[in-house]
Amino acid sequence: MAGDKSLKKHIAYRKSVDKIYRSINFIDEDTITEMAEDFLSGSFDKKQSGVSVYDSGDRHQTVANWRTSKTFQGVTRDFYPDFCEQLEDFVNDGTKVTQLDILLYEKGDKFEPHQDRLSSEPHKRMWSTTTVIHLSDDYAGHGLVIYDSNDDHEENPKKNPEIQLFVPRQNVGDTIIFKGDQWHEVKSTEQGTRIVAVAWLGFE
């Protein structure tokens, strides 16, 4: 569970300077294994009633150019309560998981630079999180890239190549936590598959 004193000090420092968290492994292995096995066995979409599944690659071309992962949307905390509770306990600021999606990235899939926080409901996505639950043996790609654009959250990094990048190294079980209005993207998968659990924490 939530780590040692040095890790807590690091987290406090990150909050104080308004920066992103580094990649950390605090979700227990059994929870990660359960989520990965549900997805890889094909049982995920069969047993999770109410989950909508859409493949962005099948949508309009402009959308396909923006986001091309296969997304399982509408996963509730009832499906994976341990996962949600571990995220909430680690952040420990009163926010709760308000949305949980499972995303599948295959060869060529990507997600263009964007922000997660909704202008209509900013309180629901205070924090964005990405947890890797599976990487195929042949996986190759950079995955998540975060832009350190804290000085101007409205500035699209595509318009300013001087904005610094944070490219976390994520192994299976690792989680990245960052502010909901932080610019970020997912680079194109070069080969293999990458499956992530994406959760947002905020206030209802």
C-alpha atoms as a PDB file:
ATOM      1  CA  MET A   1       0.000   0.000   0.000  1.00  0.00           C
ATOM      2  CA  ALA A   2       0.957   3.676   0.194  1.00  0.00           C
ATOM      3  CA  GLY A   3       4.701   3.760   0.556  1.00  0.00           C
ATOM      4  CA  ASP A   4       7.379   4.746   3.014  1.00  0.00           C
ATOM      5  CA  LYS A   5       8.202   8.131   4.551  1.00  0.00           C
ATOM      6  CA  SER A   6      10.562   9.169   1.764  1.00  0.00           C
ATOM      7  CA  LEU A   7       7.865   8.492  -0.818  1.00  0.00           C
ATOM      8  CA  LYS A   8       5.316  10.493   1.174  1.00  0.00           C
ATOM      9  CA  LYS A   9       7.782  13.379   1.403  1.00  0.00           C
ATOM     10  CA  HIS A  10       8.265  13.194  -2.341  1.00  0.00           C
ATOM     11  CA  ILE A  11       4.514  13.326  -2.913  1.00  0.00           C
ATOM     12  CA  ALA A  12       4.159  16.315  -0.594  1.00  0.00           C
ATOM     13  CA  TYR A  13       6.940  18.067  -2.453  1.00  0.00           C
ATOM     14  CA  ARG A  14       5.319  17.386  -5.784  1.00  0.00           C
ATOM     15  CA  LYS A  15       2.056  18.889  -4.563  1.00  0.00           C
ATOM     16  CA  SER A  16       3.747  21.941  -3.105  1.00  0.00           C
ATOM     17  CA  VAL A  17       5.512  22.887  -6.333  1.00  0.00           C
ATOM     18  CA  ASP A  18       2.479  22.118  -8.484  1.00  0.00           C
ATOM     19  CA  LYS A  19       4.214  19.373 -10.433  1.00  0.00           C
ATOM     20  CA  ILE A  20       3.218  15.887 -11.496  1.00  0.00           C
ATOM     21  CA  TYR A  21       3.851  12.709  -9.600  1.00  0.00           C
ATOM     22  CA  ARG A  22       6.491  10.296 -10.742  1.00  0.00           C
ATOM     23  CA  SER A  23       5.737   6.722 -11.715  1.00  0.00           C
ATOM     24  CA  ILE A  24       5.014   4.685  -8.604  1.00  0.00           C
ATOM     25  CA  ASN A  25       4.003   1.117  -7.857  1.00  0.00           C
ATOM     26  CA  PHE A  26       1.501   0.937  -4.999  1.00  0.00           C
ATOM     27  CA  ILE A  27      -1.483  -1.019  -6.384  1.00  0.00           C
ATOM     28  CA  ASP A  28      -1.227  -4.572  -5.096  1.00  0.00           C
ATOM     29  CA  GLU A  29      -0.252  -7.289  -7.551  1.00  0.00           C
ATOM     30  CA  ASP A  30      -3.433  -9.355  -7.079  1.00  0.00           C
ATOM     31  CA  THR A  31      -5.596  -6.401  -8.131  1.00  0.00           C
ATOM     32  CA  ILE A  32      -3.515  -5.784 -11.267  1.00  0.00           C
ATOM     33  CA  THR A  33      -3.596  -9.497 -12.132  1.00  0.00           C
ATOM     34  CA  GLU A  34      -7.376  -9.676 -11.728  1.00  0.00           C
ATOM     35  CA  MET A  35      -7.957  -6.713 -14.033  1.00  0.00           C
ATOM     36  CA  ALA A  36      -5.530  -7.990 -16.673  1.00  0.00           C
ATOM     37  CA  GLU A  37      -6.970 -11.508 -16.642  1.00  0.00           C
ATOM     38  CA  ASP A  38     -10.518 -10.180 -16.979  1.00  0.00           C
ATOM     39  CA  PHE A  39      -9.514  -8.262 -20.068  1.00  0.00           C
ATOM     40  CA  LEU A  40      -7.224 -10.829 -21.714  1.00  0.00           C
ATOM     41  CA  SER A  41      -9.612 -13.754 -21.156  1.00  0.00           C
ATOM     42  CA  GLY A  42     -12.446 -11.953 -22.911  1.00  0.00           C
ATOM     43  CA  SER A  43     -14.610 -12.179 -19.802  1.00  0.00           C
ATOM     44  CA  PHE A  44     -14.413  -8.474 -19.130  1.00  0.00           C
ATOM     45  CA  ASP A  45     -17.006  -7.310 -21.649  1.00  0.00           C
ATOM     46  CA  LYS A  46     -19.204 -10.346 -20.957  1.00  0.00           C
ATOM     47  CA  LYS A  47     -19.536  -9.995 -17.198  1.00  0.00           C
ATOM     48  CA  GLN A  48     -19.492  -6.215 -16.872  1.00  0.00           C
ATOM     49  CA  SER A  49     -23.036  -5.238 -17.772  1.00  0.00           C
ATOM     50  CA  GLY A  50     -23.509  -1.543 -18.384  1.00  0.00           C
ATOM     51  CA  VAL A  51     -19.999  -1.039 -19.771  1.00  0.00           C
ATOM     52  CA  SER A  52     -20.015   0.641 -23.163  1.00  0.00           C
ATOM     53  CA  VAL A  53     -17.283  -0.412 -25.553  1.00  0.00           C
ATOM     54  CA  TYR A  54     -16.217   1.760 -28.430  1.00  0.00           C
ATOM     55  CA  ASP A  55     -13.347   1.568 -30.859  1.00  0.00           C
ATOM     56  CA  SER A  56     -12.245   5.056 -31.789  1.00  0.00           C
ATOM     57  CA  GLY A  57     -10.608   3.687 -34.896  1.00  0.00           C
ATOM     58  CA  ASP A  58     -14.039   2.838 -36.304  1.00  0.00           C
ATOM     59  CA  ARG A  59     -15.329   6.377 -35.855  1.00  0.00           C
ATOM     60  CA  HIS A  60     -15.040   9.450 -38.038  1.00  0.00           C
ATOM     61  CA  GLN A  61     -11.574   9.992 -39.475  1.00  0.00           C
ATOM     62  CA  THR A  62     -10.944  13.198 -37.505  1.00  0.00           C
ATOM     63  CA  VAL A  63     -11.675  11.325 -34.282  1.00  0.00           C
ATOM     64  CA  ALA A  64      -9.527   8.377 -35.370  1.00  0.00           C
ATOM     65  CA  ASN A  65      -6.614  10.739 -35.896  1.00  0.00           C
ATOM     66  CA  TRP A  66      -7.058  12.098 -32.385  1.00  0.00           C
ATOM     67  CA  ARG A  67      -7.667   8.942 -30.357  1.00  0.00           C
ATOM     68  CA  THR A  68      -7.425   5.395 -31.651  1.00  0.00           C
ATOM     69  CA  SER A  69      -7.513   3.156 -28.597  1.00  0.00           C
ATOM     70  CA  LYS A  70     -10.296   0.679 -27.904  1.00  0.00           C
ATOM     71  CA  THR A  71     -12.042   1.954 -24.796  1.00  0.00           C
ATOM     72  CA  PHE A  72     -14.169   0.203 -22.192  1.00  0.00           C
ATOM     73  CA  GLN A  73     -16.077   3.055 -20.603  1.00  0.00           C
ATOM     74  CA  GLY A  74     -18.434   2.968 -17.643  1.00  0.00           C
ATOM     75  CA  VAL A  75     -16.506   0.594 -15.395  1.00  0.00           C
ATOM     76  CA  THR A  76     -17.693   1.394 -11.881  1.00  0.00           C
ATOM     77  CA  ARG A  77     -15.929   1.090  -8.542  1.00  0.00           C
ATOM     78  CA  ASP A  78     -18.174  -1.910  -7.789  1.00  0.00           C
ATOM     79  CA  PHE A  79     -16.169  -3.914 -10.335  1.00  0.00           C
ATOM     80  CA  TYR A  80     -12.769  -3.132  -8.828  1.00  0.00           C
ATOM     81  CA  PRO A  81     -13.287  -1.590  -5.369  1.00  0.00           C
ATOM     82  CA  ASP A  82      -9.791  -2.500  -4.159  1.00  0.00           C
ATOM     83  CA  PHE A  83      -8.228  -0.644  -7.069  1.00  0.00           C
ATOM     84  CA  CYS A  84     -10.290   2.471  -6.435  1.00  0.00           C
ATOM     85  CA  GLU A  85      -9.690   2.423  -2.693  1.00  0.00           C
ATOM     86  CA  GLN A  86      -5.935   2.081  -3.137  1.00  0.00           C
ATOM     87  CA  LEU A  87      -5.863   5.092  -5.452  1.00  0.00           C
ATOM     88  CA  GLU A  88      -7.969   7.149  -3.038  1.00  0.00           C
ATOM     89  CA  ASP A  89      -5.893   6.144  -0.014  1.00  0.00           C
ATOM     90  CA  PHE A  90      -2.676   7.045  -1.779  1.00  0.00           C
ATOM     91  CA  VAL A  91      -3.810  10.497  -2.937  1.00  0.00           C
ATOM     92  CA  ASN A  92      -5.497  11.000   0.451  1.00  0.00           C
ATOM     93  CA  ASP A  93      -7.029  14.439  -0.132  1.00  0.00           C
ATOM     94  CA  GLY A  94     -10.730  13.563   0.073  1.00  0.00           C
ATOM     95  CA  THR A  95     -11.179  12.962  -3.659  1.00  0.00           C
ATOM     96  CA  LYS A  96     -12.867   9.775  -4.892  1.00  0.00           C
ATOM     97  CA  VAL A  97     -12.718   7.848  -8.152  1.00  0.00           C
ATOM     98  CA  THR A  98     -15.456   9.418 -10.305  1.00  0.00           C
ATOM     99  CA  GLN A  99     -14.741   7.489 -13.516  1.00  0.00           C
ATOM    100  CA  LEU A 100     -12.761   4.402 -14.469  1.00  0.00           C
ATOM    101  CA  ASP A 101     -12.026   3.299 -18.054  1.00  0.00           C
ATOM    102  CA  ILE A 102      -9.954   0.447 -19.452  1.00  0.00           C
ATOM    103  CA  LEU A 103      -8.041   1.336 -22.630  1.00  0.00           C
ATOM    104  CA  LEU A 104      -6.419  -1.040 -25.103  1.00  0.00           C
ATOM    105  CA  TYR A 105      -3.609   0.315 -27.264  1.00  0.00           C
ATOM    106  CA  GLU A 106      -2.466  -1.854 -30.171  1.00  0.00           C
ATOM    107  CA  LYS A 107       0.024  -1.170 -32.966  1.00  0.00           C
ATOM    108  CA  GLY A 108      -0.450   2.360 -34.299  1.00  0.00           C
ATOM    109  CA  ASP A 109      -2.867   3.441 -31.546  1.00  0.00           C
ATOM    110  CA  LYS A 110      -2.309   6.845 -29.958  1.00  0.00           C
ATOM    111  CA  PHE A 111      -4.003   9.723 -28.134  1.00  0.00           C
ATOM    112  CA  GLU A 112      -3.178  13.265 -29.239  1.00  0.00           C
ATOM    113  CA  PRO A 113      -2.277  16.019 -26.690  1.00  0.00           C
ATOM    114  CA  HIS A 114      -5.254  16.879 -24.494  1.00  0.00           C
ATOM    115  CA  GLN A 115      -6.438  17.783 -20.986  1.00  0.00           C
ATOM    116  CA  ASP A 116      -8.781  15.596 -18.950  1.00  0.00           C
ATOM    117  CA  ARG A 117     -10.502  18.147 -16.751  1.00  0.00           C
ATOM    118  CA  LEU A 118     -13.999  18.975 -17.991  1.00  0.00           C
ATOM    119  CA  SER A 119     -14.831  22.679 -18.113  1.00  0.00           C
ATOM    120  CA  SER A 120     -18.451  21.842 -17.269  1.00  0.00           C
ATOM    121  CA  GLU A 121     -17.516  19.685 -14.250  1.00  0.00           C
ATOM    122  CA  PRO A 122     -13.969  20.614 -13.208  1.00  0.00           C
ATOM    123  CA  HIS A 123     -14.432  19.186  -9.720  1.00  0.00           C
ATOM    124  CA  LYS A 124     -14.914  15.644 -11.039  1.00  0.00           C
ATOM    125  CA  ARG A 125     -11.434  15.343 -12.541  1.00  0.00           C
ATOM    126  CA  MET A 126      -9.052  16.948 -10.082  1.00  0.00           C
ATOM    127  CA  TRP A 127      -6.543  14.145 -10.630  1.00  0.00           C
ATOM    128  CA  SER A 128      -5.869  11.911 -13.643  1.00  0.00           C
ATOM    129  CA  THR A 129      -4.290   8.501 -13.164  1.00  0.00           C
ATOM    130  CA  THR A 130      -2.930   5.876 -15.531  1.00  0.00           C
ATOM    131  CA  THR A 131      -2.082   2.367 -14.310  1.00  0.00           C
ATOM    132  CA  VAL A 132      -0.490  -0.180 -16.646  1.00  0.00           C
ATOM    133  CA  ILE A 133      -2.222  -3.521 -16.145  1.00  0.00           C
ATOM    134  CA  HIS A 134      -0.651  -5.390 -19.087  1.00  0.00           C
ATOM    135  CA  LEU A 135       2.208  -5.075 -21.576  1.00  0.00           C
ATOM    136  CA  SER A 136       2.666  -7.799 -24.176  1.00  0.00           C
ATOM    137  CA  ASP A 137       6.090  -9.446 -24.388  1.00  0.00           C
ATOM    138  CA  ASP A 138       6.751  -7.701 -27.689  1.00  0.00           C
ATOM    139  CA  TYR A 139       5.481  -4.278 -26.625  1.00  0.00           C
ATOM    140  CA  ALA A 140       7.419  -1.280 -27.891  1.00  0.00           C
ATOM    141  CA  GLY A 141       6.479   2.384 -27.553  1.00  0.00           C
ATOM    142  CA  HIS A 142       6.810   5.421 -25.306  1.00  0.00           C
ATOM    143  CA  GLY A 143       3.251   5.305 -23.943  1.00  0.00           C
ATOM    144  CA  LEU A 144       2.231   8.244 -21.778  1.00  0.00           C
ATOM    145  CA  VAL A 145       3.941  11.606 -22.250  1.00  0.00           C
ATOM    146  CA  ILE A 146       3.152  14.548 -19.947  1.00  0.00           C
ATOM    147  CA  TYR A 147       3.838  18.173 -20.805  1.00  0.00           C
ATOM    148  CA  ASP A 148       5.157  20.332 -18.007  1.00  0.00           C
ATOM    149  CA  SER A 149       2.976  23.289 -18.990  1.00  0.00           C
ATOM    150  CA  ASN A 150       1.961  24.466 -15.526  1.00  0.00           C
ATOM    151  CA  ASP A 151       2.579  28.119 -16.362  1.00  0.00           C
ATOM    152  CA  ASP A 152      -0.244  28.140 -18.886  1.00  0.00           C
ATOM    153  CA  HIS A 153      -2.707  25.258 -18.829  1.00  0.00           C
ATOM    154  CA  GLU A 154      -4.488  26.698 -21.859  1.00  0.00           C
ATOM    155  CA  GLU A 155      -1.459  26.399 -24.099  1.00  0.00           C
ATOM    156  CA  ASN A 156      -1.600  23.422 -26.447  1.00  0.00           C
ATOM    157  CA  PRO A 157       1.896  21.902 -26.436  1.00  0.00           C
ATOM    158  CA  LYS A 158       1.669  21.358 -30.183  1.00  0.00           C
ATOM    159  CA  LYS A 159       1.907  25.145 -30.529  1.00  0.00           C
ATOM    160  CA  ASN A 160       4.969  25.439 -28.301  1.00  0.00           C
ATOM    161  CA  PRO A 161       7.755  22.905 -28.944  1.00  0.00           C
ATOM    162  CA  GLU A 162       9.772  24.388 -26.069  1.00  0.00           C
ATOM    163  CA  ILE A 163       7.472  22.956 -23.384  1.00  0.00           C
ATOM    164  CA  GLN A 164       9.355  20.323 -21.436  1.00  0.00           C
ATOM    165  CA  LEU A 165       8.300  16.690 -21.598  1.00  0.00           C
ATOM    166  CA  PHE A 166       8.005  14.179 -18.794  1.00  0.00           C
ATOM    167  CA  VAL A 167       8.227  10.657 -20.186  1.00  0.00           C
ATOM    168  CA  PRO A 168       7.668   8.258 -17.289  1.00  0.00           C
ATOM    169  CA  ARG A 169       8.897   4.732 -17.574  1.00  0.00           C
ATOM    170  CA  GLN A 170       5.914   2.530 -16.789  1.00  0.00           C
ATOM    171  CA  ASN A 171       6.082  -1.166 -16.102  1.00  0.00           C
ATOM    172  CA  VAL A 172       3.112  -3.382 -15.311  1.00  0.00           C
ATOM    173  CA  GLY A 173       1.570  -2.213 -12.038  1.00  0.00           C
ATOM    174  CA  ASP A 174       3.019   1.289 -12.199  1.00  0.00           C
ATOM    175  CA  THR A 175       0.733   4.294 -11.755  1.00  0.00           C
ATOM    176  CA  ILE A 176       1.149   7.896 -12.862  1.00  0.00           C
ATOM    177  CA  ILE A 177      -0.898  10.556 -11.039  1.00  0.00           C
ATOM    178  CA  PHE A 178      -1.095  14.088 -12.400  1.00  0.00           C
ATOM    179  CA  LYS A 179      -3.391  17.105 -12.331  1.00  0.00           C
ATOM    180  CA  GLY A 180      -6.534  16.899 -14.431  1.00  0.00           C
ATOM    181  CA  ASP A 181      -5.667  20.001 -16.447  1.00  0.00           C
ATOM    182  CA  GLN A 182      -2.128  18.857 -17.253  1.00  0.00           C
ATOM    183  CA  TRP A 183      -1.502  18.512 -20.997  1.00  0.00           C
ATOM    184  CA  HIS A 184      -0.561  14.944 -21.945  1.00  0.00           C
ATOM    185  CA  GLU A 185      -0.709  12.446 -24.771  1.00  0.00           C
ATOM    186  CA  VAL A 186      -0.107   8.786 -25.546  1.00  0.00           C
ATOM    187  CA  LYS A 187       2.489   8.179 -28.233  1.00  0.00           C
ATOM    188  CA  SER A 188       1.781   5.682 -30.985  1.00  0.00           C
ATOM    189  CA  THR A 189       2.316   2.037 -30.045  1.00  0.00           C
ATOM    190  CA  GLU A 190       5.121   0.700 -32.216  1.00  0.00           C
ATOM    191  CA  GLN A 191       4.270  -2.962 -31.690  1.00  0.00           C
ATOM    192  CA  GLY A 192       2.468  -5.246 -29.278  1.00  0.00           C
ATOM    193  CA  THR A 193      -0.294  -4.232 -26.874  1.00  0.00           C
ATOM    194  CA  ARG A 194      -0.580  -1.948 -23.874  1.00  0.00           C
ATOM    195  CA  ILE A 195      -3.612  -2.109 -21.554  1.00  0.00           C
ATOM    196  CA  VAL A 196      -4.164   0.619 -18.976  1.00  0.00           C
ATOM    197  CA  ALA A 197      -6.708   1.478 -16.315  1.00  0.00           C
ATOM    198  CA  VAL A 198      -7.427   5.200 -16.474  1.00  0.00           C
ATOM    199  CA  ALA A 199      -9.168   6.681 -13.444  1.00  0.00           C
ATOM    200  CA  TRP A 200     -10.134  10.221 -12.499  1.00  0.00           C
ATOM    201  CA  LEU A 201     -10.426  11.398  -8.912  1.00  0.00           C
ATOM    202  CA  GLY A 202     -12.528  14.330  -7.838  1.00  0.00           C
ATOM    203  CA  PHE A 203     -15.621  15.348  -5.916  1.00  0.00           C
ATOM    204  CA  GLU A 204     -19.166  14.284  -6.767  1.00  0.00           C
END
